[in-house]
Amino acid sequence: MNIEECMSVEVEANGKPWYNDIKAHIKNSEYPSGATDSEKKFIRHMGCQFFLSGEVLYKRNHDSTLLRCVDAPKKNYLMEEMHEGLLGAYARGPLLACKSMRASYYWLTMESDCIKHVRTCHHCQAYQGRKNAPPQPLHSLAVPWS
């Protein structure tokens, strides 16, 4: 596993999730076959930021909360549900990423994936340019008192 493969959620090697090498290192102190010294160092460094509970991998956030690591199919479902589903509010990309983190989910390319997802949303693009302001300035009316 090299750094480019780890930073890409879209292309998963051999059908395994992006966090597979980190999980194997934490669980059994194993490295992928053919890994160079720099790749092993990178995996060790990444492993310090993660926590394994049973078979579920979590990332430690800066405030010590645990964020569940998800793979590509699960992240697509989560983005759709949080953007358009019952929890959805058609939020912008960075806000959608923050909403996913508040719901305790994590993947490496979270913010860029959320921005791409919002750019492909039909409702967001159709109503993006609408201004909720009247076409003419408002005039105040004096209300006569009796």
Protein backbone atom coordinates (compact mmCIF):
# COMPACT_ATOMS: atom_id res chain seq x y z
CA MET A 1 0.00 0.00 0.00
CA ASN A 2 1.37 3.38 -0.91
CA ILE A 3 0.21 6.80 0.24
CA GLU A 4 -1.81 7.46 -2.92
CA GLU A 5 -3.82 4.24 -2.48
CA CYS A 6 -4.56 5.06 1.15
CA MET A 7 -5.73 8.58 0.33
CA SER A 8 -8.13 7.34 -2.36
CA VAL A 9 -11.46 5.98 -1.18
CA GLU A 10 -12.89 5.58 -4.67
CA VAL A 11 -10.41 2.92 -5.81
CA GLU A 12 -10.22 0.12 -3.27
CA ALA A 13 -7.54 -2.48 -3.84
CA ASN A 14 -8.79 -6.08 -4.17
CA GLY A 15 -12.25 -5.13 -2.96
CA LYS A 16 -10.91 -4.29 0.51
CA PRO A 17 -11.66 -0.99 2.25
CA TRP A 18 -9.13 1.85 2.41
CA TYR A 19 -8.37 1.14 6.05
CA ASN A 20 -7.57 -2.55 5.57
CA ASP A 21 -3.77 -2.18 5.99
CA ILE A 22 -4.14 0.05 9.05
CA LYS A 23 -6.57 -2.43 10.59
CA ALA A 24 -4.21 -5.37 9.90
CA HIS A 25 -1.32 -3.47 11.47
CA ILE A 26 -3.27 -2.63 14.62
CA LYS A 27 -4.74 -6.12 14.95
CA ASN A 28 -1.74 -8.34 14.15
CA SER A 29 1.21 -5.93 13.65
CA GLU A 30 1.30 -7.02 10.01
CA TYR A 31 2.39 -5.02 6.99
CA PRO A 32 1.34 -5.64 3.39
CA SER A 33 3.66 -7.85 1.40
CA GLY A 34 6.24 -5.87 -0.54
CA ALA A 35 5.84 -2.71 1.56
CA THR A 36 8.88 -0.43 1.64
CA ASP A 37 10.27 1.10 4.82
CA SER A 38 8.61 4.45 4.13
CA GLU A 39 5.24 2.76 3.58
CA LYS A 40 5.64 0.83 6.83
CA LYS A 41 6.46 4.06 8.63
CA PHE A 42 3.37 5.70 7.10
CA ILE A 43 1.15 2.81 8.24
CA ARG A 44 2.60 2.96 11.77
CA HIS A 45 2.00 6.71 11.88
CA MET A 46 -1.59 6.33 10.65
CA GLY A 47 -2.17 3.47 13.10
CA CYS A 48 -1.55 5.78 16.07
CA GLN A 49 -4.62 7.80 15.12
CA PHE A 50 -6.97 4.79 15.00
CA PHE A 51 -8.58 2.43 17.52
CA LEU A 52 -9.81 -1.12 16.89
CA SER A 53 -12.81 -2.46 18.80
CA GLY A 54 -13.59 -6.01 17.72
CA GLU A 55 -13.76 -5.79 13.94
CA VAL A 56 -14.76 -2.11 13.80
CA LEU A 57 -12.08 0.52 13.21
CA TYR A 58 -12.49 3.98 14.75
CA LYS A 59 -10.48 7.16 14.27
CA ARG A 60 -9.63 9.25 17.30
CA ASN A 61 -10.79 12.82 16.74
CA HIS A 62 -8.92 15.82 18.16
CA ASP A 63 -11.37 15.98 21.08
CA SER A 64 -11.01 12.24 21.85
CA THR A 65 -14.30 11.20 20.28
CA LEU A 66 -14.28 8.04 18.19
CA LEU A 67 -15.40 8.25 14.56
CA ARG A 68 -16.36 5.02 12.81
CA CYS A 69 -14.39 4.38 9.61
CA VAL A 70 -16.56 3.54 6.61
CA ASP A 71 -15.80 2.20 3.14
CA ALA A 72 -16.95 3.53 -0.25
CA PRO A 73 -20.45 1.95 -0.53
CA LYS A 74 -21.34 2.93 3.04
CA LYS A 75 -20.06 6.51 2.59
CA ASN A 76 -22.19 6.96 -0.55
CA TYR A 77 -25.28 5.82 1.36
CA LEU A 78 -24.45 8.10 4.30
CA MET A 79 -23.95 11.15 2.08
CA GLU A 80 -27.26 10.56 0.28
CA GLU A 81 -29.13 10.02 3.54
CA MET A 82 -27.65 13.05 5.30
CA HIS A 83 -28.10 15.29 2.29
CA GLU A 84 -31.45 14.22 0.86
CA GLY A 85 -32.99 11.69 3.24
CA LEU A 86 -34.80 12.00 6.55
CA LEU A 87 -31.83 13.71 8.14
CA GLY A 88 -31.21 15.86 5.09
CA ALA A 89 -31.39 19.59 4.75
CA TYR A 90 -29.61 19.97 1.39
CA ALA A 91 -26.55 21.42 3.10
CA ARG A 92 -23.42 22.56 1.26
CA GLY A 93 -20.38 20.29 0.96
CA PRO A 94 -18.27 21.35 3.98
CA LEU A 95 -21.36 21.48 6.20
CA LEU A 96 -22.33 17.99 5.02
CA ALA A 97 -18.85 16.76 6.01
CA CYS A 98 -19.24 18.32 9.47
CA LYS A 99 -22.66 16.73 9.79
CA SER A 100 -21.16 13.33 8.95
CA MET A 101 -18.47 13.80 11.59
CA ARG A 102 -21.07 14.83 14.18
CA ALA A 103 -22.88 11.59 13.37
CA SER A 104 -19.56 9.82 14.23
CA TYR A 105 -18.52 8.66 10.75
CA TYR A 106 -15.16 9.14 9.05
CA TRP A 107 -13.35 8.48 5.78
CA LEU A 108 -10.18 10.08 4.47
CA THR A 109 -11.57 12.13 1.60
CA MET A 110 -14.68 13.25 3.45
CA GLU A 111 -14.83 16.94 2.56
CA SER A 112 -13.94 16.58 -1.13
CA ASP A 113 -16.44 13.71 -1.53
CA CYS A 114 -19.20 15.77 0.11
CA ILE A 115 -18.46 18.74 -2.16
CA LYS A 116 -18.62 16.48 -5.24
CA HIS A 117 -21.88 14.95 -4.02
CA VAL A 118 -23.51 18.37 -3.52
CA ARG A 119 -22.37 19.48 -6.98
CA THR A 120 -24.21 16.53 -8.53
CA CYS A 121 -27.44 17.10 -6.56
CA HIS A 122 -30.21 18.29 -8.89
CA HIS A 123 -32.18 20.16 -6.22
CA CYS A 124 -29.12 22.06 -4.99
CA GLN A 125 -28.17 23.11 -8.51
CA ALA A 126 -31.71 24.12 -9.52
CA TYR A 127 -32.24 26.43 -6.55
CA GLN A 128 -28.67 27.63 -6.08
CA GLY A 129 -29.10 31.01 -7.79
CA ARG A 130 -32.45 31.93 -6.23
CA LYS A 131 -32.51 35.03 -4.12
CA ASN A 132 -35.08 35.31 -1.39
CA ALA A 133 -35.37 39.09 -1.68
CA PRO A 134 -38.16 41.17 -3.17
CA PRO A 135 -37.56 42.63 -6.66
CA GLN A 136 -38.08 46.18 -5.40
CA PRO A 137 -37.06 47.87 -2.17
CA LEU A 138 -39.63 47.71 0.59
CA HIS A 139 -41.48 50.90 1.54
CA SER A 140 -42.57 51.50 5.06
CA LEU A 141 -46.21 52.40 5.63
CA ALA A 142 -47.39 54.67 8.38
CA VAL A 143 -50.20 53.09 10.32
CA PRO A 144 -52.75 55.70 11.43
CA TRP A 145 -53.84 55.39 15.04
CA SER A 146 -57.40 56.02 15.91
